[in-house]
C-alpha atoms as a PDB file:
ATOM      1  CA  MET A   1     103.795  82.648 152.635  1.00  0.00           C
ATOM      2  CA  GLU A   2     101.087  82.484 155.274  1.00  0.00           C
ATOM      3  CA  ALA A   3      97.855  84.343 154.555  1.00  0.00           C
ATOM      4  CA  SER A   4      96.686  86.964 157.027  1.00  0.00           C
ATOM      5  CA  ILE A   5      93.312  86.758 158.773  1.00  0.00           C
ATOM      6  CA  GLY A   6      92.104  89.599 156.558  1.00  0.00           C
ATOM      7  CA  ASP A   7      93.187  87.763 153.400  1.00  0.00           C
ATOM      8  CA  LEU A   8      91.464  84.594 154.568  1.00  0.00           C
ATOM      9  CA  TYR A   9      88.238  86.461 155.305  1.00  0.00           C
ATOM     10  CA  GLU A  10      88.408  88.184 151.923  1.00  0.00           C
ATOM     11  CA  ALA A  11      88.809  84.822 150.160  1.00  0.00           C
ATOM     12  CA  PHE A  12      86.119  83.299 152.418  1.00  0.00           C
ATOM     13  CA  TYR A  13      83.508  85.901 151.483  1.00  0.00           C
ATOM     14  CA  ALA A  14      84.557  85.873 147.827  1.00  0.00           C
ATOM     15  CA  GLN A  15      83.927  82.110 147.809  1.00  0.00           C
ATOM     16  CA  LEU A  16      80.558  82.597 149.493  1.00  0.00           C
ATOM     17  CA  GLU A  17      79.623  85.166 146.826  1.00  0.00           C
ATOM     18  CA  ASN A  18      80.770  82.740 144.142  1.00  0.00           C
ATOM     19  CA  GLN A  19      78.415  80.079 145.487  1.00  0.00           C
ATOM     20  CA  ASP A  20      75.557  82.568 145.494  1.00  0.00           C
ATOM     21  CA  ARG A  21      76.289  83.609 141.902  1.00  0.00           C
ATOM     22  CA  ILE A  22      76.330  79.988 140.749  1.00  0.00           C
ATOM     23  CA  PHE A  23      72.992  79.313 142.438  1.00  0.00           C
ATOM     24  CA  GLU A  24      71.427  82.535 141.122  1.00  0.00           C
ATOM     25  CA  PHE A  25      72.580  81.767 137.569  1.00  0.00           C
ATOM     26  CA  TRP A  26      71.141  78.247 137.796  1.00  0.00           C
ATOM     27  CA  ILE A  27      67.789  79.573 139.052  1.00  0.00           C
ATOM     28  CA  THR A  28      67.662  82.117 136.224  1.00  0.00           C
ATOM     29  CA  LEU A  29      68.544  79.443 133.673  1.00  0.00           C
ATOM     30  CA  THR A  30      65.940  77.079 135.100  1.00  0.00           C
ATOM     31  CA  PHE A  31      63.114  79.589 134.852  1.00  0.00           C
ATOM     32  CA  ALA A  32      64.234  80.672 131.373  1.00  0.00           C
ATOM     33  CA  VAL A  33      64.236  77.073 130.129  1.00  0.00           C
ATOM     34  CA  ALA A  34      60.849  76.340 131.703  1.00  0.00           C
ATOM     35  CA  ALA A  35      59.277  79.520 130.315  1.00  0.00           C
ATOM     36  CA  GLY A  36      60.868  79.009 126.902  1.00  0.00           C
ATOM     37  CA  ALA A  37      59.665  75.418 126.713  1.00  0.00           C
ATOM     38  CA  PHE A  38      56.145  76.413 127.703  1.00  0.00           C
ATOM     39  CA  ILE A  39      55.917  79.339 125.290  1.00  0.00           C
ATOM     40  CA  ALA A  40      57.543  77.587 122.319  1.00  0.00           C
ATOM     41  CA  ALA A  41      56.157  74.075 122.875  1.00  0.00           C
ATOM     42  CA  LYS A  42      53.968  74.168 119.750  1.00  0.00           C
ATOM     43  CA  LYS A  43      56.761  75.516 117.537  1.00  0.00           C
ATOM     44  CA  LEU A  44      59.701  73.312 118.495  1.00  0.00           C
ATOM     45  CA  THR A  45      60.414  69.924 116.992  1.00  0.00           C
ATOM     46  CA  LYS A  46      61.308  66.853 118.995  1.00  0.00           C
ATOM     47  CA  SER A  47      64.977  67.196 118.022  1.00  0.00           C
ATOM     48  CA  LEU A  48      65.013  70.774 119.351  1.00  0.00           C
ATOM     49  CA  PHE A  49      63.442  69.614 122.614  1.00  0.00           C
ATOM     50  CA  VAL A  50      66.084  66.888 122.883  1.00  0.00           C
ATOM     51  CA  MET A  51      68.792  69.492 122.279  1.00  0.00           C
ATOM     52  CA  LEU A  52      67.240  71.875 124.831  1.00  0.00           C
ATOM     53  CA  THR A  53      67.031  69.071 127.380  1.00  0.00           C
ATOM     54  CA  ALA A  54      70.616  67.954 126.788  1.00  0.00           C
ATOM     55  CA  MET A  55      72.013  71.487 126.959  1.00  0.00           C
ATOM     56  CA  TYR A  56      70.072  72.292 130.132  1.00  0.00           C
ATOM     57  CA  LEU A  57      71.164  69.038 131.772  1.00  0.00           C
ATOM     58  CA  ILE A  58      74.834  69.580 130.839  1.00  0.00           C
ATOM     59  CA  VAL A  59      74.833  73.157 132.140  1.00  0.00           C
ATOM     60  CA  SER A  60      73.001  72.131 135.321  1.00  0.00           C
ATOM     61  CA  ILE A  61      75.502  69.351 136.029  1.00  0.00           C
ATOM     62  CA  ASN A  62      78.349  71.786 135.354  1.00  0.00           C
ATOM     63  CA  LEU A  63      76.874  74.313 137.787  1.00  0.00           C
ATOM     64  CA  ILE A  64      76.263  71.648 140.434  1.00  0.00           C
ATOM     65  CA  LEU A  65      79.887  70.529 140.164  1.00  0.00           C
ATOM     66  CA  ARG A  66      81.096  74.141 140.301  1.00  0.00           C
ATOM     67  CA  SER A  67      79.004  74.661 143.414  1.00  0.00           C
ATOM     68  CA  ILE A  68      80.548  71.584 145.034  1.00  0.00           C
ATOM     69  CA  VAL A  69      84.084  72.760 144.182  1.00  0.00           C
ATOM     70  CA  SER A  70      83.253  76.191 145.574  1.00  0.00           C
ATOM     71  CA  ALA A  71      81.823  74.626 148.752  1.00  0.00           C
ATOM     72  CA  LEU A  72      84.990  72.577 149.237  1.00  0.00           C
ATOM     73  CA  LYS A  73      87.125  75.716 148.898  1.00  0.00           C
ATOM     74  CA  PHE A  74      84.775  77.522 151.272  1.00  0.00           C
ATOM     75  CA  ARG A  75      85.222  74.718 153.820  1.00  0.00           C
ATOM     76  CA  GLU A  76      89.001  74.829 153.411  1.00  0.00           C
ATOM     77  CA  LEU A  77      89.034  78.570 154.094  1.00  0.00           C
ATOM     78  CA  GLN A  78      86.707  78.138 157.067  1.00  0.00           C
ATOM     79  CA  THR A  79      89.072  75.490 158.478  1.00  0.00           C
ATOM     80  CA  GLN A  80      92.048  77.820 158.036  1.00  0.00           C
ATOM     81  CA  LEU A  81      90.174  80.599 159.817  1.00  0.00           C
ATOM     82  CA  ALA A  82      89.175  78.234 162.638  1.00  0.00           C
ATOM     83  CA  MET A  83      92.816  77.148 163.014  1.00  0.00           C
ATOM     84  CA  ALA A  84      93.685  80.834 163.337  1.00  0.00           C
ATOM     85  CA  GLY A  85      91.275  81.111 166.266  1.00  0.00           C
ATOM     86  CA  GLU A  86      88.228  82.547 164.488  1.00  0.00           C
ATOM     87  CA  SER A  87      84.761  81.236 165.325  1.00  0.00           C
ATOM     88  CA  PHE A  88      81.579  81.185 163.288  1.00  0.00           C
ATOM     89  CA  PRO A  89      78.078  81.776 164.619  1.00  0.00           C
ATOM     90  CA  ALA A  90      75.429  79.270 163.505  1.00  0.00           C
ATOM     91  CA  ASP A  91      78.152  76.852 162.427  1.00  0.00           C
ATOM     92  CA  ASP A  92      75.703  73.936 162.766  1.00  0.00           C
ATOM     93  CA  LEU A  93      73.445  75.381 160.073  1.00  0.00           C
ATOM     94  CA  LYS A  94      76.015  75.014 157.289  1.00  0.00           C
ATOM     95  CA  ILE A  95      75.269  71.294 156.857  1.00  0.00           C
ATOM     96  CA  GLY A  96      71.561  72.015 156.500  1.00  0.00           C
ATOM     97  CA  ILE A  97      72.254  74.780 154.005  1.00  0.00           C
ATOM     98  CA  ALA A  98      74.528  72.521 151.957  1.00  0.00           C
ATOM     99  CA  VAL A  99      72.012  69.663 151.933  1.00  0.00           C
ATOM    100  CA  LEU A 100      69.109  71.921 150.964  1.00  0.00           C
ATOM    101  CA  THR A 101      71.148  73.580 148.219  1.00  0.00           C
ATOM    102  CA  VAL A 102      72.111  70.245 146.669  1.00  0.00           C
ATOM    103  CA  LEU A 103      68.523  68.987 146.965  1.00  0.00           C
ATOM    104  CA  THR A 104      67.262  72.168 145.307  1.00  0.00           C
ATOM    105  CA  PHE A 105      69.728  71.757 142.451  1.00  0.00           C
ATOM    106  CA  ILE A 106      68.793  68.116 141.894  1.00  0.00           C
ATOM    107  CA  ALA A 107      65.032  68.374 142.420  1.00  0.00           C
ATOM    108  CA  GLY A 108      64.838  71.612 140.437  1.00  0.00           C
ATOM    109  CA  THR A 109      66.773  70.159 137.526  1.00  0.00           C
ATOM    110  CA  LEU A 110      64.621  67.017 137.439  1.00  0.00           C
ATOM    111  CA  ALA A 111      61.394  69.023 137.768  1.00  0.00           C
ATOM    112  CA  THR A 112      62.462  71.341 134.954  1.00  0.00           C
ATOM    113  CA  LEU A 113      63.318  68.417 132.683  1.00  0.00           C
ATOM    114  CA  TYR A 114      59.932  66.874 133.452  1.00  0.00           C
ATOM    115  CA  PHE A 115      58.197  70.184 132.747  1.00  0.00           C
ATOM    116  CA  VAL A 116      60.023  70.624 129.426  1.00  0.00           C
ATOM    117  CA  TRP A 117      58.952  67.198 128.215  1.00  0.00           C
ATOM    118  CA  HIS A 118      55.452  67.542 129.625  1.00  0.00           C
ATOM    119  CA  SER A 119      55.087  70.826 127.704  1.00  0.00           C
ATOM    120  CA  TYR A 120      56.297  69.139 124.530  1.00  0.00           C
ATOM    121  CA  ARG A 121      53.933  66.150 124.913  1.00  0.00           C
ATOM    122  CA  GLU A 122      50.964  68.406 125.682  1.00  0.00           C
ATOM    123  CA  ALA A 123      51.695  70.511 122.606  1.00  0.00           C
ATOM    124  CA  GLN A 124      51.914  67.368 120.467  1.00  0.00           C
ATOM    125  CA  ASN A 125      48.630  66.025 121.883  1.00  0.00           C
ATOM    126  CA  THR A 126      46.895  69.339 121.181  1.00  0.00           C
ATOM    127  CA  ASP A 127      48.141  69.340 117.587  1.00  0.00           C
ATOM    128  CA  GLU A 128      46.883  65.776 117.014  1.00  0.00           C
ATOM    129  CA  GLN A 129      43.338  66.613 118.098  1.00  0.00           C
END
């Protein structure tokens, strides 16, 4: 059964919302991990920092992959809408948005991991003095 234009638009915007939710959850997680690491740096052991790092990295990779899957579905729906004669304003911007989103995910994840370990090392150096 062929989907109607309305059904395609509904799925299109649902997929766009899904991408936003994934990104918003990742940002919230990132700030929570950074704040938690900073606040608890003197109280957590190295094994807990390793566990925190591993869990954050696993969840970040999962969210990045989910975002990519969502973007592929988004593109598929956009193609179906274009084949049905629909056009999209600012179509050229989508590549820039996709690139910046992926860069934000990757750079943000790496920066957070660096910050977590920097907080741990600073706390250890302070305790040794």
